[in-house]
Amino acid sequence: MGGKAATAHLLGLGHRRIAYLGGPESTECNQARLHGYLCALTAHGLAPDLLTHGRFRADHDTEGVTALLARNNPPTAIFAGKDAIAVGVLREARRRGIRVPEDLSLLGFDGTALAQDSVPALTPVAQPLQEMRRATLRAVLRQSRGEQPDTHRVELATQFAVRESTTRLR
């Protein structure tokens, strides 16, 4: 749902050329975010032709970001699958003289301090990191007592925090 909400936010701002920069294709969290992105684009009749996969790090795939931004018809918005990737995009955009959000809307995924402290402050899909930690601790404690887990998978709702890095398409 977080990937869908992120992409829907950008679509709602008028963007139609929205890139997705994700982590390793094989990771479950990347697949979930990508699926949400694809669902939102498909619902608007748009083709997902701006996809790049790499690492969940700020140095994500500099060549991929550079190639996206150097296109004849570059994206007007980027959904980064992790805040760290979005910070890497900010760095590359700044290097190229591309202003965020005036020239390029950008959002990340996680809702970390990294997103809040960036300039401009990133619009993130915020994961409930404290609740994730609590759920993990509960599972570990149950296991240490020899108890079986209620489930092997826990889904927690994300929240969306609109900040300074996204704006209406001009």
Protein backbone atom coordinates (compact mmCIF):
# COMPACT_ATOMS: atom_id res chain seq x y z
CA MET A 1 0.00 0.00 0.00
CA GLY A 2 2.91 2.36 0.64
CA GLY A 3 4.17 2.13 -2.95
CA LYS A 4 0.68 2.70 -4.26
CA ALA A 5 0.14 5.71 -1.94
CA ALA A 6 3.48 7.23 -2.98
CA THR A 7 2.76 6.90 -6.67
CA ALA A 8 -0.85 8.08 -6.23
CA HIS A 9 0.45 11.20 -4.46
CA LEU A 10 2.70 12.01 -7.42
CA LEU A 11 -0.10 11.28 -9.90
CA GLY A 12 -2.38 13.57 -7.89
CA LEU A 13 0.16 16.35 -8.33
CA GLY A 14 -0.11 15.94 -12.11
CA HIS A 15 3.03 13.90 -12.73
CA ARG A 16 2.83 11.23 -15.43
CA ARG A 17 6.52 10.45 -16.01
CA ILE A 18 7.27 8.89 -12.64
CA ALA A 19 10.40 6.79 -12.19
CA TYR A 20 10.84 4.05 -9.59
CA LEU A 21 14.32 3.53 -8.17
CA GLY A 22 14.25 0.39 -6.06
CA GLY A 23 16.51 -1.99 -4.28
CA PRO A 24 17.46 -5.51 -5.30
CA GLU A 25 14.75 -7.05 -7.47
CA SER A 26 14.68 -10.23 -5.39
CA THR A 27 13.88 -8.58 -2.04
CA GLU A 28 10.32 -8.92 -0.83
CA CYS A 29 10.06 -5.31 0.34
CA ASN A 30 11.25 -4.02 -3.04
CA GLN A 31 8.74 -6.24 -4.83
CA ALA A 32 5.92 -4.92 -2.64
CA ARG A 33 6.85 -1.26 -3.28
CA LEU A 34 7.25 -1.91 -6.99
CA HIS A 35 3.89 -3.68 -7.11
CA GLY A 36 2.18 -0.64 -5.55
CA TYR A 37 3.92 1.66 -8.04
CA LEU A 38 2.83 -0.53 -10.96
CA CYS A 39 -0.77 -0.75 -9.70
CA ALA A 40 -1.09 3.02 -9.40
CA LEU A 41 0.38 3.66 -12.86
CA THR A 42 -1.74 0.96 -14.49
CA ALA A 43 -4.89 2.37 -12.88
CA HIS A 44 -4.11 5.65 -14.69
CA GLY A 45 -3.37 3.92 -18.00
CA LEU A 46 0.35 4.69 -17.82
CA ALA A 47 3.21 2.45 -18.90
CA PRO A 48 5.94 1.81 -16.33
CA ASP A 49 9.00 2.48 -18.48
CA LEU A 50 11.14 4.29 -15.91
CA LEU A 51 12.39 1.53 -13.61
CA THR A 52 15.82 1.01 -12.08
CA HIS A 53 16.89 -1.56 -9.50
CA GLY A 54 20.07 -1.46 -7.49
CA ARG A 55 20.95 -1.31 -3.82
CA PHE A 56 19.04 0.26 -0.94
CA ARG A 57 21.82 2.86 -0.48
CA ALA A 58 22.50 6.51 -1.31
CA ASP A 59 25.01 5.46 -3.98
CA HIS A 60 22.15 3.39 -5.46
CA ASP A 61 22.99 3.14 -9.08
CA THR A 62 24.49 6.45 -10.01
CA GLU A 63 24.59 5.40 -13.63
CA GLY A 64 20.89 4.54 -13.57
CA VAL A 65 19.94 7.86 -11.97
CA THR A 66 22.20 9.74 -14.37
CA ALA A 67 20.65 7.93 -17.34
CA LEU A 68 17.12 8.74 -16.14
CA LEU A 69 17.89 12.41 -15.63
CA ALA A 70 19.75 12.69 -18.95
CA ARG A 71 16.85 11.34 -21.05
CA ASN A 72 15.30 13.55 -23.73
CA ASN A 73 12.04 13.23 -21.81
CA PRO A 74 13.21 12.69 -18.21
CA PRO A 75 10.90 11.86 -15.33
CA THR A 76 9.19 14.77 -13.61
CA ALA A 77 9.03 12.75 -10.39
CA ILE A 78 10.95 9.92 -8.76
CA PHE A 79 9.73 7.44 -6.18
CA ALA A 80 12.79 6.05 -4.41
CA GLY A 81 12.30 2.69 -2.68
CA LYS A 82 14.28 3.89 0.35
CA ASP A 83 15.12 7.25 1.90
CA ALA A 84 18.83 6.60 1.35
CA ILE A 85 18.24 6.20 -2.40
CA ALA A 86 16.27 9.47 -2.44
CA VAL A 87 19.18 11.28 -0.76
CA GLY A 88 21.44 9.94 -3.51
CA VAL A 89 19.00 11.31 -6.10
CA LEU A 90 19.03 14.68 -4.33
CA ARG A 91 22.81 14.72 -4.53
CA GLU A 92 22.84 13.87 -8.25
CA ALA A 93 20.06 16.35 -9.04
CA ARG A 94 21.95 19.11 -7.23
CA ARG A 95 25.12 18.21 -9.15
CA ARG A 96 23.20 18.56 -12.44
CA GLY A 97 21.48 21.82 -11.48
CA ILE A 98 18.07 20.14 -11.18
CA ARG A 99 16.00 21.73 -8.43
CA VAL A 100 13.87 19.59 -6.11
CA PRO A 101 10.90 20.05 -6.10
CA GLU A 102 10.73 22.82 -8.70
CA ASP A 103 12.14 20.69 -11.54
CA LEU A 104 11.77 17.21 -10.05
CA SER A 105 9.47 15.93 -7.34
CA LEU A 106 11.05 13.26 -5.16
CA LEU A 107 9.87 10.98 -2.43
CA GLY A 108 11.41 8.20 -0.41
CA PHE A 109 10.35 5.24 1.65
CA ASP A 110 11.01 4.66 5.36
CA GLY A 111 10.44 7.98 7.12
CA THR A 112 13.87 8.07 8.73
CA ALA A 113 15.65 11.08 10.22
CA LEU A 114 17.66 11.10 6.99
CA ALA A 115 14.49 12.09 5.10
CA GLN A 116 13.45 14.73 7.61
CA ASP A 117 16.91 16.28 7.82
CA SER A 118 17.61 16.41 4.07
CA VAL A 119 17.36 19.69 2.18
CA PRO A 120 14.68 19.93 1.05
CA ALA A 121 12.97 17.66 3.60
CA LEU A 122 11.92 14.49 1.77
CA THR A 123 8.32 13.46 1.43
CA PRO A 124 8.42 9.85 2.64
CA VAL A 125 6.18 6.87 2.98
CA ALA A 126 6.88 6.34 6.67
CA GLN A 127 7.13 2.86 8.05
CA PRO A 128 6.12 2.38 11.70
CA LEU A 129 9.72 1.69 12.73
CA GLN A 130 9.00 1.63 16.49
CA GLU A 131 6.15 -0.84 16.06
CA MET A 132 8.34 -2.96 13.77
CA ARG A 133 10.97 -3.11 16.51
CA ARG A 134 8.34 -4.03 19.12
CA ALA A 135 6.89 -6.79 16.92
CA THR A 136 10.38 -8.18 16.32
CA LEU A 137 11.20 -8.13 20.03
CA ARG A 138 7.91 -9.87 20.91
CA ALA A 139 8.65 -12.59 18.35
CA VAL A 140 12.19 -13.10 19.65
CA LEU A 141 10.99 -13.28 23.26
CA ARG A 142 8.29 -15.82 22.36
CA GLN A 143 10.85 -17.92 20.51
CA SER A 144 13.27 -17.74 23.45
CA ARG A 145 10.51 -19.18 25.65
CA GLY A 146 10.03 -22.03 23.17
CA GLU A 147 6.68 -20.73 21.94
CA GLN A 148 5.64 -20.92 18.32
CA PRO A 149 4.92 -17.62 16.56
CA ASP A 150 1.31 -16.76 15.78
CA THR A 151 2.41 -15.95 12.26
CA HIS A 152 5.62 -15.81 10.26
CA ARG A 153 4.63 -12.52 8.66
CA VAL A 154 3.47 -9.25 10.20
CA GLU A 155 2.01 -6.46 8.05
CA LEU A 156 2.01 -2.96 9.53
CA ALA A 157 0.38 0.08 7.94
CA THR A 158 2.55 2.85 6.50
CA GLN A 159 1.82 6.56 6.77
CA PHE A 160 2.41 9.30 4.28
CA ALA A 161 4.12 12.54 5.34
CA VAL A 162 4.01 15.32 2.74
CA ARG A 163 7.04 17.56 3.17
CA GLU A 164 9.05 19.82 0.86
CA SER A 165 10.33 17.53 -1.90
CA THR A 166 7.13 17.13 -3.92
CA THR A 167 5.03 19.72 -5.69
CA ARG A 168 2.44 20.08 -8.42
CA LEU A 169 3.77 19.57 -11.96
CA ARG A 170 4.43 22.91 -13.63
